[in-house]
Amino acid sequence: MNRFTTIVLSTVLILLGLDVKSQVEYDKFFTDNQLRIDYYLYGNADTVSYALDKLVKEEQWGGPRTQLIDESGNGMYLVEVSLPDSDVILYSHGYCLLFGEWQTSEEATRINKGFHESVIIPYPKETVEVTFYAKTDLLELVEQMKILVNPNDYFIKPAPKLPYPIYNVYGDYPIDKAVDIVLLPDGYTEQEMGKFINDCQFFVKSLFGYEPYNRYQDRFNIRAVLVPSQDSDITMPGDRLYRNTALSCSFWTFDSERYCMTYDNETMKTLAGQVPYDQIYILANTKKYGGGGIFNSYCVSTTGNSYSSDVIIHEFSHGFAGLADEYAYDGTDNYNTEVEPWEPNITTLVNFEAKWKDMVSKKTPVPTPVEKKYNNTVGVYEGAGYQKEDIYRPMIDCLMNTFNGDKFCPVCERAIERMIKYYTE
């Protein structure tokens, strides 16, 4: 399609109410079903290749129906659904991936590795073009893979109906007006399903024990899939303890002892797809401290530790709201300080206007010294995103920094609230 034809087509679509930059009417283009696109990422610290695996038709789309186009700029990856040979976007969604985190690890500098990943989109009524993008270090979107999806293609597999009970943990609100969370158990045997149900209630208590989640309890649905594991507890490679569990969660992810994640993406997504969901949260049946959270991908936390409640809320806020860690280490250099990071609660001051400048008093110095008199002041404090220099956080302390307090800072609260409204309004 040449540029003139594209302009003419875009003009016609605008006149028909399909502005390329506007939100679209869900029922015109999508069914109630959900399409899961499985694919592979293969590469190392500097390279990546994409390969399509399969398409799966799932029972129920759990995502938003009004705000279909993600204009937040959040995440290191973007999936975009459009009408073929046009600039008309029907759906887009930003996210992060375990592969992207692995690319920053020491191992990625030495070997190539492959990861199975997935995205979900509302099931289209007609053929659409699905484009996958990844961001560079300068946060510029680069196209990685493009596929045409014909909804009538007989190679699109129906999702299997698994023989596991569904437990309604909390809420019974309309799917399109709620944040839908699916809880998955790992390391719970058949005999421990009662413990998992109790831990699901502990998750609810933990989530709504903090603001702003507490204020929006009537905008959440939480469901659980009761899938047992053969072994109790989970794998701990550093201790030479290997367990056969439903989701294969493991500590020592990327050789970091407390980082607990799973590489079994397909099993996780198949189990999650038994119910409508926006967010996946795995509860790991172990007393060891740890977990992890990846924005719009999935989260894990352990349930038997004295800090489990704090870990649950911390990791969920990574996965749900895209909040960055606000602590720092010596010798860490993960962010390009020449650009503004996408995470809403850290800044390089390159484009501070896009962050929380409006929440900083004119009397507060920028950067703000870490002094007692500023303990409860929104400012710009150096040290965040694992880096001690040139990255700044909004307050001296917050649940995204330490567990010394029991609340989020106002900047993190606002980011969480915005995400709740994105899914529910």
Protein backbone atom coordinates (compact mmCIF):
# COMPACT_ATOMS: atom_id res chain seq x y z
CA MET A 1 0.00 0.00 0.00
CA ASN A 2 1.45 3.37 -0.98
CA ARG A 3 1.42 6.45 1.24
CA PHE A 4 -1.41 8.17 -0.67
CA THR A 5 -3.67 5.11 -0.42
CA THR A 6 -2.92 4.83 3.30
CA ILE A 7 -3.87 8.47 3.86
CA VAL A 8 -7.11 8.09 1.90
CA LEU A 9 -8.03 4.88 3.75
CA SER A 10 -7.25 6.45 7.12
CA THR A 11 -9.42 9.45 6.22
CA VAL A 12 -12.33 7.18 5.27
CA LEU A 13 -11.97 5.21 8.50
CA ILE A 14 -11.96 8.40 10.54
CA LEU A 15 -15.20 9.47 8.85
CA LEU A 16 -16.62 6.06 9.75
CA GLY A 17 -15.71 6.60 13.39
CA LEU A 18 -12.49 4.61 13.35
CA ASP A 19 -9.88 7.26 14.14
CA VAL A 20 -6.50 5.53 14.07
CA LYS A 21 -5.70 7.07 17.46
CA SER A 22 -9.09 6.55 19.12
CA GLN A 23 -10.44 3.69 21.15
CA VAL A 24 -12.58 1.25 19.16
CA GLU A 25 -15.91 -0.41 19.84
CA TYR A 26 -15.19 -3.91 21.08
CA ASP A 27 -18.23 -5.70 19.66
CA LYS A 28 -17.53 -4.51 16.11
CA PHE A 29 -14.27 -6.39 15.87
CA PHE A 30 -14.04 -8.99 18.64
CA THR A 31 -15.98 -11.92 20.11
CA ASP A 32 -16.21 -12.91 23.77
CA ASN A 33 -13.38 -15.41 23.29
CA GLN A 34 -9.69 -14.95 23.86
CA LEU A 35 -6.81 -15.74 21.50
CA ARG A 36 -3.54 -16.93 23.01
CA ILE A 37 -0.53 -16.59 20.75
CA ASP A 38 2.38 -18.80 21.79
CA TYR A 39 5.82 -18.02 20.43
CA TYR A 40 9.51 -18.55 21.08
CA LEU A 41 12.25 -16.04 21.81
CA TYR A 42 15.81 -17.18 21.18
CA GLY A 43 19.01 -15.23 21.62
CA ASN A 44 21.56 -13.79 24.02
CA ALA A 45 22.38 -10.46 25.64
CA ASP A 46 22.63 -8.72 22.26
CA THR A 47 20.42 -10.65 19.85
CA VAL A 48 16.89 -12.03 19.66
CA SER A 49 14.87 -14.08 17.16
CA TYR A 50 11.11 -14.67 17.19
CA ALA A 51 9.31 -17.83 16.05
CA LEU A 52 5.57 -18.55 16.14
CA ASP A 53 4.53 -21.69 18.00
CA LYS A 54 0.72 -21.93 17.85
CA LEU A 55 -2.61 -20.14 18.27
CA VAL A 56 -5.08 -21.22 20.95
CA LYS A 57 -8.74 -20.19 21.25
CA GLU A 58 -9.69 -19.78 24.89
CA GLU A 59 -13.15 -19.53 26.40
CA GLN A 60 -13.38 -15.99 27.74
CA TRP A 61 -11.63 -12.67 27.16
CA GLY A 62 -10.88 -11.24 30.58
CA GLY A 63 -9.33 -7.93 29.55
CA PRO A 64 -10.81 -4.45 29.11
CA ARG A 65 -13.49 -3.78 26.52
CA THR A 66 -13.43 0.00 26.48
CA GLN A 67 -9.76 0.96 26.66
CA LEU A 68 -8.47 -1.41 24.00
CA ILE A 69 -5.51 0.70 22.89
CA ASP A 70 -2.70 0.96 25.43
CA GLU A 71 -1.36 4.51 25.28
CA SER A 72 0.67 4.31 28.51
CA GLY A 73 4.03 3.38 26.97
CA ASN A 74 4.54 0.88 29.79
CA GLY A 75 6.55 -2.28 29.28
CA MET A 76 9.52 -3.32 27.17
CA TYR A 77 7.35 -5.16 24.62
CA LEU A 78 4.17 -4.30 22.75
CA VAL A 79 1.64 -6.38 20.85
CA GLU A 80 -0.55 -4.53 18.37
CA VAL A 81 -3.64 -5.76 16.51
CA SER A 82 -4.66 -3.85 13.38
CA LEU A 83 -6.73 -4.13 10.24
CA PRO A 84 -4.54 -5.59 7.47
CA ASP A 85 -2.77 -3.07 5.24
CA SER A 86 -3.93 -0.08 7.25
CA ASP A 87 -2.93 2.17 10.12
CA VAL A 88 -6.08 1.36 12.10
CA ILE A 89 -5.17 -0.14 15.45
CA LEU A 90 -7.85 -2.27 17.10
CA TYR A 91 -5.96 -3.37 20.20
CA SER A 92 -2.54 -2.95 21.80
CA HIS A 93 -0.95 -3.96 25.06
CA GLY A 94 2.44 -3.36 26.68
CA TYR A 95 4.19 -6.02 28.73
CA CYS A 96 7.51 -7.44 29.91
CA LEU A 97 8.99 -10.92 29.64
CA LEU A 98 11.24 -13.30 31.57
CA PHE A 99 13.42 -13.49 28.46
CA GLY A 100 13.99 -9.73 28.63
CA GLU A 101 15.16 -10.01 32.22
CA TRP A 102 17.42 -12.92 31.31
CA GLN A 103 19.08 -10.79 28.65
CA THR A 104 20.48 -8.59 31.45
CA SER A 105 21.99 -11.59 33.27
CA GLU A 106 25.63 -12.66 33.18
CA GLU A 107 24.63 -15.97 31.61
CA ALA A 108 23.21 -14.17 28.58
CA THR A 109 26.68 -12.80 27.78
CA ARG A 110 27.99 -16.37 27.40
CA ILE A 111 25.31 -18.52 25.76
CA ASN A 112 22.20 -18.51 23.59
CA LYS A 113 18.95 -19.59 25.20
CA GLY A 114 15.31 -20.03 24.16
CA PHE A 115 12.13 -19.12 26.06
CA HIS A 116 8.50 -20.00 25.43
CA GLU A 117 6.28 -16.91 25.79
CA SER A 118 2.66 -15.91 25.12
CA VAL A 119 0.41 -12.93 24.59
CA ILE A 120 -3.37 -12.85 24.79
CA ILE A 121 -5.66 -10.69 22.67
CA PRO A 122 -9.44 -10.51 22.23
CA TYR A 123 -10.57 -13.02 19.61
CA PRO A 124 -11.10 -11.20 16.27
CA LYS A 125 -14.21 -11.49 14.11
CA GLU A 126 -12.24 -11.00 10.91
CA THR A 127 -8.67 -11.38 9.72
CA VAL A 128 -6.28 -9.08 11.57
CA GLU A 129 -2.60 -8.31 11.55
CA VAL A 130 -0.73 -8.89 14.81
CA THR A 131 2.62 -7.14 15.21
CA PHE A 132 5.17 -7.77 17.94
CA TYR A 133 7.52 -4.99 19.01
CA ALA A 134 10.45 -4.79 21.43
CA LYS A 135 12.09 -1.67 22.82
CA THR A 136 15.75 -0.82 22.43
CA ASP A 137 17.95 0.63 25.19
CA LEU A 138 16.71 4.02 24.01
CA LEU A 139 13.13 2.77 24.49
CA GLU A 140 12.39 2.93 20.77
CA LEU A 141 9.91 0.33 19.48
CA VAL A 142 11.33 -2.02 16.85
CA GLU A 143 9.14 -4.47 14.94
CA GLN A 144 10.15 -8.09 15.57
CA MET A 145 7.43 -10.29 14.07
CA LYS A 146 4.18 -9.84 12.15
CA ILE A 147 1.50 -12.47 11.53
CA LEU A 148 -1.93 -12.56 9.89
CA VAL A 149 -4.63 -14.18 12.01
CA ASN A 150 -7.71 -15.58 10.30
CA PRO A 151 -10.23 -16.38 13.08
CA ASN A 152 -11.63 -19.24 10.97
CA ASP A 153 -8.27 -20.92 10.52
CA TYR A 154 -8.70 -24.60 11.43
CA PHE A 155 -5.15 -24.67 12.80
CA ILE A 156 -6.25 -22.50 15.74
CA LYS A 157 -6.59 -25.03 18.55
CA PRO A 158 -9.41 -24.87 21.09
CA ALA A 159 -8.07 -24.65 24.61
CA PRO A 160 -8.37 -27.91 26.55
CA LYS A 161 -10.89 -28.16 29.36
CA LEU A 162 -8.86 -29.44 32.29
CA PRO A 163 -10.36 -31.58 35.07
CA TYR A 164 -9.42 -29.24 37.91
CA PRO A 165 -12.01 -27.53 40.14
CA ILE A 166 -12.33 -23.75 39.99
CA TYR A 167 -12.54 -21.98 43.35
CA ASN A 168 -14.14 -18.54 43.43
CA VAL A 169 -11.87 -16.82 45.96
CA TYR A 170 -13.29 -13.30 45.92
CA GLY A 171 -15.75 -11.17 43.97
CA ASP A 172 -18.41 -11.83 41.38
CA TYR A 173 -18.29 -8.59 39.44
CA PRO A 174 -18.72 -8.19 35.64
CA ILE A 175 -15.52 -9.31 33.92
CA ASP A 176 -15.22 -6.13 31.87
CA LYS A 177 -15.57 -3.95 34.98
CA ALA A 178 -13.09 -5.78 37.19
CA VAL A 179 -9.44 -6.70 37.50
CA ASP A 180 -9.55 -10.48 37.13
CA ILE A 181 -6.79 -12.36 38.96
CA VAL A 182 -6.20 -16.09 38.62
CA LEU A 183 -4.31 -17.82 41.43
CA LEU A 184 -2.35 -20.96 40.57
CA PRO A 185 -0.83 -23.34 43.14
CA ASP A 186 2.65 -24.80 42.94
CA GLY A 187 4.02 -27.36 45.37
CA TYR A 188 0.65 -28.20 46.93
CA THR A 189 -0.19 -31.90 46.87
CA GLU A 190 -3.74 -33.25 46.60
CA GLN A 191 -3.80 -33.49 50.39
CA GLU A 192 -2.72 -29.82 50.64
CA MET A 193 -5.48 -28.29 48.52
CA GLY A 194 -7.18 -27.13 51.71
CA LYS A 195 -3.99 -25.29 52.61
CA PHE A 196 -3.96 -23.70 49.16
CA ILE A 197 -7.53 -22.47 49.64
CA ASN A 198 -6.48 -20.93 52.97
CA ASP A 199 -3.48 -19.34 51.24
CA CYS A 200 -5.82 -17.89 48.61
CA GLN A 201 -7.69 -16.16 51.41
CA PHE A 202 -4.35 -14.98 52.78
CA PHE A 203 -3.65 -13.48 49.34
CA VAL A 204 -6.96 -11.58 49.48
CA LYS A 205 -6.20 -10.31 52.98
CA SER A 206 -2.72 -9.26 51.86
CA LEU A 207 -3.90 -7.50 48.70
CA PHE A 208 -6.64 -5.52 50.39
CA GLY A 209 -4.54 -4.79 53.43
CA TYR A 210 -2.83 -1.95 51.55
CA GLU A 211 -3.98 1.22 49.86
CA PRO A 212 -5.02 1.93 47.19
CA TYR A 213 -6.16 -1.68 46.63
CA ASN A 214 -8.34 -1.49 49.73
CA ARG A 215 -10.35 1.40 48.29
CA TYR A 216 -11.18 -0.57 45.15
CA GLN A 217 -12.16 -3.97 46.58
CA ASP A 218 -15.35 -3.90 44.50
CA ARG A 219 -13.31 -3.89 41.28
CA PHE A 220 -11.54 -7.22 41.71
CA ASN A 221 -12.42 -10.83 40.94
CA ILE A 222 -10.07 -13.53 42.19
CA ARG A 223 -10.39 -17.15 41.06
CA ALA A 224 -8.16 -20.17 41.66
CA VAL A 225 -7.50 -23.34 39.68
CA LEU A 226 -7.07 -26.26 42.10
CA VAL A 227 -4.29 -28.20 40.38
CA PRO A 228 -2.25 -30.47 42.69
CA SER A 229 1.46 -31.19 42.53
CA GLN A 230 3.07 -34.58 42.96
CA ASP A 231 5.56 -33.21 45.49
CA SER A 232 5.14 -30.72 48.29
CA ASP A 233 7.33 -27.57 48.34
CA ILE A 234 9.25 -26.38 45.26
CA THR A 235 12.63 -26.81 43.59
CA MET A 236 15.75 -25.29 45.16
CA PRO A 237 18.72 -26.02 42.87
CA GLY A 238 21.27 -24.37 45.16
CA ASP A 239 20.31 -26.85 47.86
CA ARG A 240 20.14 -29.78 45.40
CA LEU A 241 16.41 -30.16 46.10
CA TYR A 242 14.35 -30.97 43.01
CA ARG A 243 10.58 -31.34 43.21
CA ASN A 244 7.97 -32.49 40.71
CA THR A 245 5.38 -29.71 40.87
CA ALA A 246 2.51 -28.51 38.71
CA LEU A 247 4.23 -25.33 37.50
CA SER A 248 7.91 -26.16 38.03
CA CYS A 249 8.66 -23.02 40.04
CA SER A 250 12.24 -22.77 41.20
CA PHE A 251 14.46 -20.56 43.31
CA TRP A 252 17.86 -19.48 41.98
CA THR A 253 16.28 -18.13 38.79
CA PHE A 254 19.15 -16.51 36.85
CA ASP A 255 21.34 -17.81 39.72
CA SER A 256 19.70 -15.38 42.16
CA GLU A 257 18.79 -17.34 45.28
CA ARG A 258 15.58 -15.53 46.23
CA TYR A 259 14.31 -15.07 42.69
CA CYS A 260 11.56 -17.69 42.32
CA MET A 261 9.97 -18.07 38.87
CA THR A 262 8.92 -20.72 36.34
CA TYR A 263 10.13 -21.40 32.80
CA ASP A 264 7.05 -23.55 32.03
CA ASN A 265 5.07 -20.83 30.32
CA GLU A 266 2.78 -23.14 28.35
CA THR A 267 1.53 -25.04 31.40
CA MET A 268 1.03 -21.80 33.30
CA LYS A 269 -0.96 -20.15 30.49
CA THR A 270 -3.07 -23.28 29.85
CA LEU A 271 -4.03 -23.47 33.52
CA ALA A 272 -4.70 -19.73 33.73
CA GLY A 273 -6.91 -19.90 30.64
CA GLN A 274 -9.44 -22.07 32.47
CA VAL A 275 -10.91 -18.80 33.79
CA PRO A 276 -11.00 -15.21 32.51
CA TYR A 277 -7.94 -13.32 33.73
CA ASP A 278 -5.98 -10.09 33.52
CA GLN A 279 -3.23 -11.12 35.93
CA ILE A 280 -1.64 -14.46 36.81
CA TYR A 281 -0.34 -15.02 40.33
CA ILE A 282 1.38 -18.25 41.42
CA LEU A 283 1.39 -19.13 45.12
CA ALA A 284 4.40 -21.33 45.94
CA ASN A 285 4.04 -23.66 48.91
CA THR A 286 7.30 -23.14 50.76
CA LYS A 287 8.64 -21.38 53.85
CA LYS A 288 11.60 -19.92 51.99
CA TYR A 289 11.53 -16.16 51.35
CA GLY A 290 11.24 -15.12 47.72
CA GLY A 291 9.22 -14.48 44.61
CA GLY A 292 9.17 -12.37 41.47
CA GLY A 293 6.89 -10.25 39.31
CA ILE A 294 6.95 -9.38 35.61
CA PHE A 295 4.70 -6.64 34.24
CA ASN A 296 1.61 -8.05 32.50
CA SER A 297 3.17 -11.52 32.47
CA TYR A 298 2.95 -13.26 35.85
CA CYS A 299 3.98 -13.10 39.51
CA VAL A 300 5.16 -15.63 42.09
CA SER A 301 5.44 -15.45 45.85
CA THR A 302 5.93 -17.95 48.63
CA THR A 303 3.25 -18.34 51.27
CA GLY A 304 4.96 -19.75 54.37
CA ASN A 305 7.31 -16.92 55.26
CA SER A 306 6.78 -14.17 57.84
CA TYR A 307 7.24 -11.61 55.02
CA SER A 308 4.86 -13.34 52.62
CA SER A 309 2.19 -10.64 52.85
CA ASP A 310 4.69 -7.92 51.97
CA VAL A 311 6.13 -10.01 49.14
CA ILE A 312 2.65 -10.63 47.71
CA ILE A 313 1.80 -6.93 47.53
CA HIS A 314 5.27 -5.96 46.30
CA GLU A 315 5.36 -8.53 43.49
CA PHE A 316 1.76 -7.94 42.45
CA SER A 317 2.52 -4.25 42.05
CA HIS A 318 5.40 -5.16 39.72
CA GLY A 319 3.17 -7.39 37.63
CA PHE A 320 0.01 -5.27 37.69
CA ALA A 321 1.15 -1.65 37.79
CA GLY A 322 4.64 -1.94 36.29
CA LEU A 323 6.29 -0.44 39.38
CA ALA A 324 10.08 -0.65 39.52
CA ASP A 325 12.14 -1.74 42.50
CA GLU A 326 13.36 1.33 44.36
CA TYR A 327 16.39 -0.21 46.07
CA ALA A 328 19.97 -0.13 44.77
CA TYR A 329 23.17 -2.19 44.81
CA ASP A 330 26.83 -1.40 44.30
CA GLY A 331 28.11 -1.90 40.76
CA THR A 332 24.70 -2.29 39.09
CA ASP A 333 24.04 -0.52 35.80
CA ASN A 334 20.75 -1.75 34.28
CA TYR A 335 19.25 1.51 33.00
CA ASN A 336 20.24 3.87 30.23
CA THR A 337 20.38 7.19 32.07
CA GLU A 338 20.10 9.16 28.81
CA VAL A 339 16.40 8.34 28.54
CA GLU A 340 13.46 8.40 30.93
CA PRO A 341 12.62 4.86 32.11
CA TRP A 342 9.09 3.70 31.39
CA GLU A 343 8.34 2.63 34.97
CA PRO A 344 6.15 5.26 36.68
CA ASN A 345 8.01 5.38 40.01
CA ILE A 346 11.61 5.98 38.93
CA THR A 347 13.22 8.78 36.93
CA THR A 348 16.49 9.88 35.38
CA LEU A 349 15.16 13.47 35.33
CA VAL A 350 15.45 13.42 31.52
CA ASN A 351 11.69 13.95 31.28
CA PHE A 352 10.58 14.42 34.85
CA GLU A 353 7.45 16.27 33.71
CA ALA A 354 6.10 12.91 32.56
CA LYS A 355 6.56 11.41 36.02
CA TRP A 356 5.68 12.94 39.40
CA LYS A 357 6.95 16.50 39.07
CA ASP A 358 3.40 17.70 39.68
CA MET A 359 3.50 16.04 43.11
CA VAL A 360 6.72 17.73 44.27
CA SER A 361 6.42 20.93 46.27
CA LYS A 362 8.28 23.94 44.90
CA LYS A 363 10.02 24.14 48.29
CA THR A 364 11.50 20.63 47.90
CA PRO A 365 14.98 20.55 46.35
CA VAL A 366 15.51 18.38 43.26
CA PRO A 367 17.38 16.09 43.71
CA THR A 368 16.29 15.74 47.32
CA PRO A 369 18.81 14.86 50.06
CA VAL A 370 18.10 11.74 52.10
CA GLU A 371 17.60 13.51 55.40
CA LYS A 372 15.23 12.94 58.30
CA LYS A 373 13.29 16.15 57.64
CA TYR A 374 12.23 14.75 54.24
CA ASN A 375 11.07 11.36 55.58
CA ASN A 376 7.44 11.98 54.56
CA THR A 377 8.10 14.21 51.59
CA VAL A 378 7.58 13.36 47.92
CA GLY A 379 10.81 14.36 46.25
CA VAL A 380 13.59 12.97 44.05
CA TYR A 381 15.94 10.70 46.00
CA GLU A 382 18.98 9.17 44.34
CA GLY A 383 19.23 5.39 44.25
CA ALA A 384 16.58 3.20 42.60
CA GLY A 385 16.13 0.56 39.92
CA TYR A 386 19.12 -1.30 41.44
CA GLN A 387 21.44 1.65 40.63
CA LYS A 388 22.94 3.92 43.29
CA GLU A 389 23.58 6.82 40.92
CA ASP A 390 21.57 8.79 38.34
CA ILE A 391 18.27 6.97 39.02
CA TYR A 392 15.82 8.52 41.46
CA ARG A 393 12.82 7.36 43.54
CA PRO A 394 9.87 9.42 44.87
CA MET A 395 10.33 8.95 48.62
CA ILE A 396 12.99 7.83 51.06
CA ASP A 397 11.04 4.63 51.69
CA CYS A 398 8.10 2.75 50.17
CA LEU A 399 6.94 -0.86 49.82
CA MET A 400 8.79 -0.91 46.49
CA ASN A 401 11.99 -0.18 48.42
CA THR A 402 11.91 -1.91 51.84
CA PHE A 403 9.37 -3.57 54.10
CA ASN A 404 10.22 -1.26 56.99
CA GLY A 405 6.95 0.58 56.44
CA ASP A 406 3.55 -0.73 55.51
CA LYS A 407 2.46 1.55 52.69
CA PHE A 408 3.14 2.72 49.17
CA CYS A 409 4.32 6.25 48.54
CA PRO A 410 1.80 8.63 46.88
CA VAL A 411 3.48 8.20 43.48
CA CYS A 412 3.14 4.42 43.56
CA GLU A 413 -0.41 4.72 44.85
CA ARG A 414 -1.34 6.93 41.91
CA ALA A 415 0.21 4.51 39.42
CA ILE A 416 -1.70 1.57 40.92
CA GLU A 417 -4.95 3.54 40.95
CA ARG A 418 -4.52 4.49 37.29
CA MET A 419 -4.06 0.84 36.36
CA ILE A 420 -7.15 -0.24 38.29
CA LYS A 421 -9.17 2.37 36.41
CA TYR A 422 -7.65 1.31 33.08
CA TYR A 423 -9.10 -2.19 33.53
CA THR A 424 -12.41 -1.19 35.09
CA GLU A 425 -13.62 2.09 33.55
